[in-house]
Amino acid sequence: MKALRISDTHRLEVIELPAPQPAAGEVLLHINYVGFCGSDLNTYRGRNALALKPVIPGHEISATIEKCGEGVPASLGVGQLVTVDPYTACGNCPSCRRRRFNACQHNETLGVQRHGAMREFISVPWQKVIPAEGLAPQDVALIEPMSVGFHAVDRGQVTDADTVLVIGCGMIGVGAIVRACLRGATVIAMDLDDEKLALARELGAAATVNSDSDDVHARLQELTDGAGPDVVIEAVGAAVTYATAVNEVAFTGRIVCIGYAPTDVTLATKFFVQKELDIRGSRNAMPDDFRAVIRYLRRGECPTDRLISGIVAPEAAAQAMADWDDAPGKVFRILVSF
């Protein structure tokens, strides 16, 4: 079977592997589409210290059940359209003991710490398979990245009383915008790119801030009657956006951090105390977040065609990745079709 492998910095290649067979308790999946994630781009750039080298990337999965091993429940059957929860949980660490399996201390994500789904077939434990019938196969590959944004909104305990600033309108930020809107919050979207900000409005954001051309502080004060946003969701991972979150959030507000900043960040820690802030990390997603995204996409209201920047064959994936590397701000998701 065909597979894609990041074998070295700036080197993505097509390789041949033997097709797997499902062991007892496993489901063999035929991969329809897999999305390239920001972590895959960082692995390609040689900047992902967590990734195997070399590694088969891919954890944003649309697949069809090809075969079920012994002991798989009858609720999963051949021909079913599914996605995959790509994270592991040890069951013993502090996170797992608190049933926050998404933040397992020893997590291994498909395509990062273990080989992923950029291949024609993969066999996974049946417990990791999440049915996604009723969606277009290409849209199923959007579930995992959107679920990360959904989970961040859950971590922020967002309600209809909140004004929420989402910093970064990539795929994960899009997920945060959607779920905050679904909860009735007033959403402000911030990004450098006007096209992404226009899409944020289409998805329900009440207002937008272009951090390249607007006076961010003045604009946020105007939009919040001088109070600042109640919740800030940081979905970029840059020193300047982390600082913006701390500086602009309202007194007694909540900050949810998704993005990994590549360098240490200097923050005005006096605001931690003066504002009595709740600062929370948000990692990966829970199965319920996946199912919430599926319910949302089934409504048919999401312009998924705008979220898919391109669909390529495995043989064209290397060029697509190089193009993304050259202009990362212009891409939502590139899908590889198997």
Protein backbone atom coordinates (compact mmCIF):
# COMPACT_ATOMS: atom_id res chain seq x y z
CA MET A 1 0.00 0.00 0.00
CA LYS A 2 1.01 3.63 -0.52
CA ALA A 3 2.06 5.75 2.43
CA LEU A 4 3.60 9.18 2.96
CA ARG A 5 6.64 9.61 5.16
CA ILE A 6 8.49 12.66 6.43
CA SER A 7 11.97 11.18 6.26
CA ASP A 8 14.01 14.31 6.96
CA THR A 9 13.73 18.08 7.15
CA HIS A 10 11.86 19.34 4.06
CA ARG A 11 11.61 15.81 2.68
CA LEU A 12 8.22 14.17 2.21
CA GLU A 13 8.13 11.00 0.12
CA VAL A 14 5.79 8.26 -1.08
CA ILE A 15 6.75 4.81 0.15
CA GLU A 16 5.33 1.30 -0.10
CA LEU A 17 4.32 -0.66 3.00
CA PRO A 18 2.59 -4.01 3.52
CA ALA A 19 -1.13 -3.65 4.22
CA PRO A 20 -2.06 -4.40 7.85
CA GLN A 21 -4.64 -6.86 9.11
CA PRO A 22 -6.82 -6.21 12.16
CA ALA A 23 -5.94 -8.06 15.35
CA ALA A 24 -8.60 -9.01 17.88
CA GLY A 25 -10.34 -5.86 19.06
CA GLU A 26 -9.12 -3.82 16.09
CA VAL A 27 -10.79 -2.28 13.05
CA LEU A 28 -9.09 -2.10 9.66
CA LEU A 29 -9.79 1.24 8.05
CA HIS A 30 -9.50 2.24 4.42
CA ILE A 31 -8.35 5.85 4.49
CA ASN A 32 -10.40 8.29 2.40
CA TYR A 33 -8.73 11.57 3.31
CA VAL A 34 -6.17 12.78 5.85
CA GLY A 35 -5.54 16.43 6.64
CA PHE A 36 -2.12 17.98 7.07
CA CYS A 37 -1.94 19.56 10.54
CA GLY A 38 0.27 22.36 11.80
CA SER A 39 2.24 19.75 13.74
CA ASP A 40 2.94 17.98 10.43
CA LEU A 41 4.25 21.24 8.98
CA ASN A 42 6.53 21.70 11.98
CA THR A 43 7.77 18.12 11.61
CA TYR A 44 8.46 18.81 7.92
CA ARG A 45 10.37 21.94 8.95
CA GLY A 46 12.40 20.00 11.53
CA ARG A 47 10.89 21.97 14.41
CA ASN A 48 8.78 19.30 16.10
CA ALA A 49 10.87 17.82 18.90
CA LEU A 50 8.07 15.39 19.82
CA ALA A 51 7.88 13.69 16.43
CA LEU A 52 9.42 10.40 15.40
CA LYS A 53 12.12 10.66 12.75
CA PRO A 54 11.23 9.47 10.18
CA VAL A 55 7.46 9.44 10.67
CA ILE A 56 4.28 8.71 8.76
CA PRO A 57 2.20 11.82 9.55
CA GLY A 58 -1.53 12.20 9.81
CA HIS A 59 -4.20 12.25 12.51
CA GLU A 60 -7.06 14.16 10.90
CA ILE A 61 -8.83 11.14 9.49
CA SER A 62 -11.72 10.29 7.22
CA ALA A 63 -12.00 6.53 6.70
CA THR A 64 -14.31 3.66 5.84
CA ILE A 65 -14.35 0.43 7.82
CA GLU A 66 -12.80 -2.29 5.67
CA LYS A 67 -12.77 -5.20 8.13
CA CYS A 68 -13.41 -5.88 11.80
CA GLY A 69 -11.30 -8.13 13.99
CA GLU A 70 -12.65 -10.54 16.55
CA GLY A 71 -14.44 -8.94 19.47
CA VAL A 72 -15.42 -5.67 17.74
CA PRO A 73 -18.97 -4.58 18.69
CA ALA A 74 -21.74 -5.05 16.14
CA SER A 75 -22.32 -1.26 16.18
CA LEU A 76 -19.24 -0.98 13.96
CA GLY A 77 -19.53 -2.57 10.54
CA VAL A 78 -17.94 -2.80 7.11
CA GLY A 79 -18.67 0.22 4.93
CA GLN A 80 -19.27 2.62 7.82
CA LEU A 81 -17.88 6.15 7.47
CA VAL A 82 -15.80 7.03 10.54
CA THR A 83 -13.13 9.22 12.04
CA VAL A 84 -10.54 8.31 14.67
CA ASP A 85 -9.64 9.63 18.11
CA PRO A 86 -5.87 9.71 17.45
CA TYR A 87 -4.59 10.07 21.03
CA THR A 88 -3.52 7.43 23.56
CA ALA A 89 -4.14 7.35 27.30
CA CYS A 90 -2.10 5.34 29.79
CA GLY A 91 -4.90 5.14 32.36
CA ASN A 92 -2.54 5.68 35.30
CA CYS A 93 -1.15 9.22 35.19
CA PRO A 94 -2.73 12.14 37.10
CA SER A 95 -4.67 13.28 34.00
CA CYS A 96 -6.09 9.83 33.34
CA ARG A 97 -7.02 9.34 37.00
CA ARG A 98 -9.05 12.54 36.68
CA ARG A 99 -10.59 11.12 33.47
CA ARG A 100 -9.03 13.92 31.38
CA PHE A 101 -7.61 11.39 28.95
CA ASN A 102 -6.96 14.02 26.26
CA ALA A 103 -4.11 15.38 28.42
CA CYS A 104 -2.50 12.04 29.29
CA GLN A 105 1.03 12.60 30.54
CA HIS A 106 2.23 9.81 28.26
CA ASN A 107 0.02 10.55 25.23
CA GLU A 108 1.21 9.42 21.81
CA THR A 109 -0.66 11.06 18.94
CA LEU A 110 -0.92 9.39 15.55
CA GLY A 111 1.51 11.01 13.16
CA VAL A 112 3.65 12.53 15.92
CA GLN A 113 4.96 10.15 18.58
CA ARG A 114 3.78 7.12 16.55
CA HIS A 115 3.19 6.51 12.87
CA GLY A 116 0.01 8.08 11.57
CA ALA A 117 -2.70 7.64 8.97
CA MET A 118 -1.14 9.01 5.75
CA ARG A 119 -1.52 5.60 4.10
CA GLU A 120 -4.13 3.54 2.34
CA PHE A 121 -4.98 1.33 5.33
CA ILE A 122 -4.53 1.50 9.09
CA SER A 123 -5.69 -0.78 11.88
CA VAL A 124 -6.77 0.82 15.17
CA PRO A 125 -8.47 -0.28 18.40
CA TRP A 126 -12.23 -0.22 17.97
CA GLN A 127 -12.59 2.11 20.97
CA LYS A 128 -10.85 4.84 18.96
CA VAL A 129 -13.32 4.68 16.07
CA ILE A 130 -16.06 7.36 16.01
CA PRO A 131 -18.93 6.93 13.50
CA ALA A 132 -19.51 9.95 11.25
CA GLU A 133 -22.34 8.94 8.94
CA GLY A 134 -24.29 11.70 7.28
CA LEU A 135 -21.25 13.75 6.30
CA ALA A 136 -19.31 14.09 3.07
CA PRO A 137 -16.13 11.98 3.34
CA GLN A 138 -13.84 14.98 2.85
CA ASP A 139 -15.60 16.88 5.66
CA VAL A 140 -14.91 14.04 8.09
CA ALA A 141 -11.21 14.96 7.93
CA LEU A 142 -12.08 18.35 9.47
CA ILE A 143 -13.56 16.86 12.64
CA GLU A 144 -10.36 16.40 14.64
CA PRO A 145 -8.91 19.91 14.21
CA MET A 146 -12.29 21.55 14.85
CA SER A 147 -12.73 19.41 17.97
CA VAL A 148 -9.56 20.95 19.44
CA GLY A 149 -11.20 24.38 19.21
CA PHE A 150 -14.45 22.98 20.61
CA HIS A 151 -12.53 21.58 23.58
CA ALA A 152 -10.90 24.96 24.27
CA VAL A 153 -14.31 26.60 24.56
CA ASP A 154 -15.31 23.89 27.02
CA ARG A 155 -12.13 24.56 29.02
CA GLY A 156 -13.10 28.24 29.10
CA GLN A 157 -16.55 27.41 30.48
CA VAL A 158 -18.04 29.76 27.92
CA THR A 159 -21.70 30.76 28.34
CA ASP A 160 -24.13 33.11 26.63
CA ALA A 161 -23.12 35.83 29.10
CA ASP A 162 -19.55 35.97 27.80
CA THR A 163 -17.73 38.02 25.22
CA VAL A 164 -15.05 35.76 23.79
CA LEU A 165 -11.95 36.87 21.88
CA VAL A 166 -10.50 34.13 19.65
CA ILE A 167 -6.95 34.98 18.60
CA GLY A 168 -6.11 33.13 15.38
CA CYS A 169 -8.62 32.06 12.76
CA GLY A 170 -6.99 28.91 11.44
CA MET A 171 -8.78 25.58 11.66
CA ILE A 172 -8.53 25.32 15.45
CA GLY A 173 -9.59 28.93 15.90
CA VAL A 174 -12.52 28.27 13.57
CA GLY A 175 -13.60 25.44 15.85
CA ALA A 176 -13.44 27.76 18.85
CA ILE A 177 -15.45 30.46 17.05
CA VAL A 178 -18.15 27.98 16.07
CA ARG A 179 -18.58 26.42 19.51
CA ALA A 180 -18.53 29.75 21.32
CA CYS A 181 -21.27 30.96 18.97
CA LEU A 182 -23.24 27.75 19.51
CA ARG A 183 -23.14 28.51 23.23
CA GLY A 184 -24.60 31.95 22.62
CA ALA A 185 -21.47 33.96 23.40
CA THR A 186 -20.58 37.21 21.65
CA VAL A 187 -17.47 36.35 19.65
CA ILE A 188 -14.69 38.65 18.50
CA ALA A 189 -12.24 37.09 16.02
CA MET A 190 -8.68 38.37 15.60
CA ASP A 191 -6.23 37.53 12.83
CA LEU A 192 -3.80 39.11 10.37
CA ASP A 193 -5.71 37.95 7.30
CA ASP A 194 -8.88 39.70 6.10
CA GLU A 195 -10.11 36.61 4.25
CA LYS A 196 -10.00 34.56 7.43
CA LEU A 197 -11.74 37.36 9.31
CA ALA A 198 -14.50 37.44 6.69
CA LEU A 199 -14.98 33.70 7.16
CA ALA A 200 -15.09 34.20 10.93
CA ARG A 201 -18.00 36.60 10.48
CA GLU A 202 -19.74 34.07 8.26
CA LEU A 203 -19.36 31.48 11.01
CA GLY A 204 -20.98 33.78 13.56
CA ALA A 205 -18.36 36.19 14.92
CA ALA A 206 -20.03 39.45 15.85
CA ALA A 207 -16.89 41.53 15.22
CA THR A 208 -13.35 41.18 13.94
CA VAL A 209 -9.97 42.73 14.66
CA ASN A 210 -7.12 42.80 12.17
CA SER A 211 -4.06 42.75 14.40
CA ASP A 212 -1.88 43.99 11.53
CA SER A 213 -3.85 47.13 10.70
CA ASP A 214 -6.04 47.88 13.74
CA ASP A 215 -5.11 49.37 17.09
CA VAL A 216 -5.87 46.14 18.95
CA HIS A 217 -6.31 47.65 22.41
CA ALA A 218 -8.48 50.54 21.24
CA ARG A 219 -10.63 48.25 19.09
CA LEU A 220 -11.19 45.74 21.89
CA GLN A 221 -12.01 48.49 24.36
CA GLU A 222 -14.54 49.87 21.87
CA LEU A 223 -16.15 46.46 21.32
CA THR A 224 -16.40 45.63 25.03
CA ASP A 225 -17.41 49.04 26.45
CA GLY A 226 -14.00 49.39 28.05
CA ALA A 227 -14.13 46.10 29.96
CA GLY A 228 -12.12 43.75 27.74
CA PRO A 229 -13.27 40.26 26.69
CA ASP A 230 -14.41 37.86 29.41
CA VAL A 231 -12.64 34.93 27.77
CA VAL A 232 -9.60 34.95 25.48
CA ILE A 233 -8.73 31.82 23.49
CA GLU A 234 -5.15 31.90 22.21
CA ALA A 235 -4.94 29.73 19.08
CA VAL A 236 -1.72 31.00 17.50
CA GLY A 237 1.21 30.17 19.74
CA ALA A 238 3.30 33.35 19.52
CA ALA A 239 4.81 35.61 22.15
CA VAL A 240 2.83 38.62 20.96
CA THR A 241 -0.53 36.82 21.05
CA TYR A 242 0.11 35.39 24.52
CA ALA A 243 0.91 38.93 25.70
CA THR A 244 -2.23 40.24 24.04
CA ALA A 245 -4.33 37.64 25.85
CA VAL A 246 -2.99 38.65 29.28
CA ASN A 247 -3.08 42.39 28.58
CA GLU A 248 -6.55 42.54 27.03
CA VAL A 249 -8.65 40.03 28.99
CA ALA A 250 -11.14 41.52 31.43
CA PHE A 251 -10.57 41.60 35.18
CA THR A 252 -11.44 38.14 36.62
CA GLY A 253 -11.42 36.85 33.04
CA ARG A 254 -10.35 33.48 31.67
CA ILE A 255 -7.54 32.74 29.24
CA VAL A 256 -7.40 29.43 27.37
CA CYS A 257 -4.07 28.57 25.74
CA ILE A 258 -3.98 26.18 22.78
CA GLY A 259 -0.98 27.39 20.78
CA TYR A 260 2.56 26.22 21.48
CA ALA A 261 4.89 29.24 21.47
CA PRO A 262 8.27 28.24 19.97
CA THR A 263 10.19 30.41 22.44
CA ASP A 264 9.78 31.47 26.06
CA VAL A 265 7.24 34.25 26.53
CA THR A 266 7.62 37.28 28.81
CA LEU A 267 4.29 38.25 30.37
CA ALA A 268 3.08 41.05 32.63
CA THR A 269 2.56 38.74 35.59
CA LYS A 270 1.16 41.59 37.69
CA PHE A 271 -2.06 41.09 35.72
CA PHE A 272 -2.28 37.49 36.92
CA VAL A 273 -2.84 38.88 40.41
CA GLN A 274 -4.44 42.27 39.76
CA LYS A 275 -7.05 40.78 37.44
CA GLU A 276 -7.30 37.51 39.40
CA LEU A 277 -7.08 35.60 36.14
CA ASP A 278 -7.85 31.98 35.38
CA ILE A 279 -5.21 30.81 32.88
CA ARG A 280 -5.88 27.36 31.49
CA GLY A 281 -4.20 25.07 29.02
CA SER A 282 -6.23 23.15 26.45
CA ARG A 283 -4.78 20.03 24.85
CA ASN A 284 -6.25 17.83 22.12
CA ALA A 285 -9.94 16.94 22.56
CA MET A 286 -12.30 14.46 24.16
CA PRO A 287 -14.56 12.03 22.25
CA ASP A 288 -17.56 14.17 23.23
CA ASP A 289 -15.89 17.11 21.44
CA PHE A 290 -15.60 14.97 18.30
CA ARG A 291 -19.28 14.07 18.53
CA ALA A 292 -20.24 17.72 19.07
CA VAL A 293 -18.40 18.69 15.87
CA ILE A 294 -20.16 15.88 13.98
CA ARG A 295 -23.56 17.14 15.17
CA TYR A 296 -22.66 20.65 14.06
CA LEU A 297 -21.42 19.58 10.62
CA ARG A 298 -24.58 17.52 10.07
CA ARG A 299 -26.56 20.75 10.24
CA GLY A 300 -25.07 21.67 6.86
CA GLU A 301 -24.39 25.27 7.90
CA CYS A 302 -20.59 25.16 7.82
CA PRO A 303 -18.93 26.33 4.57
CA THR A 304 -16.56 23.37 4.58
CA ASP A 305 -15.51 24.05 1.00
CA ARG A 306 -13.89 27.25 2.31
CA LEU A 307 -11.99 25.30 4.97
CA ILE A 308 -10.43 22.83 2.51
CA SER A 309 -7.66 24.67 0.68
CA GLY A 310 -6.87 21.74 -1.60
CA ILE A 311 -7.16 18.00 -2.10
CA VAL A 312 -4.10 16.25 -3.51
CA ALA A 313 -2.99 12.75 -4.39
CA PRO A 314 -0.08 11.25 -2.42
CA GLU A 315 2.27 11.91 -5.34
CA ALA A 316 1.46 15.64 -5.19
CA ALA A 317 1.68 15.94 -1.41
CA ALA A 318 5.35 16.95 -1.31
CA GLN A 319 4.75 19.96 -3.53
CA ALA A 320 1.62 20.90 -1.59
CA MET A 321 3.60 20.78 1.66
CA ALA A 322 6.39 22.92 0.18
CA ASP A 323 3.82 25.47 -1.01
CA TRP A 324 2.24 25.54 2.45
CA ASP A 325 5.66 26.03 4.01
CA ASP A 326 6.16 29.06 1.77
CA ALA A 327 2.79 30.68 2.59
CA PRO A 328 1.41 29.17 5.82
CA GLY A 329 -1.06 31.97 6.50
CA LYS A 330 -3.10 31.26 3.38
CA VAL A 331 -3.96 27.62 4.12
CA PHE A 332 -6.73 26.15 6.25
CA ARG A 333 -6.42 22.46 5.45
CA ILE A 334 -4.78 20.44 2.70
CA LEU A 335 -6.25 16.96 2.40
CA VAL A 336 -4.45 13.96 0.93
CA SER A 337 -6.80 11.61 -0.89
CA PHE A 338 -6.18 7.87 -0.71
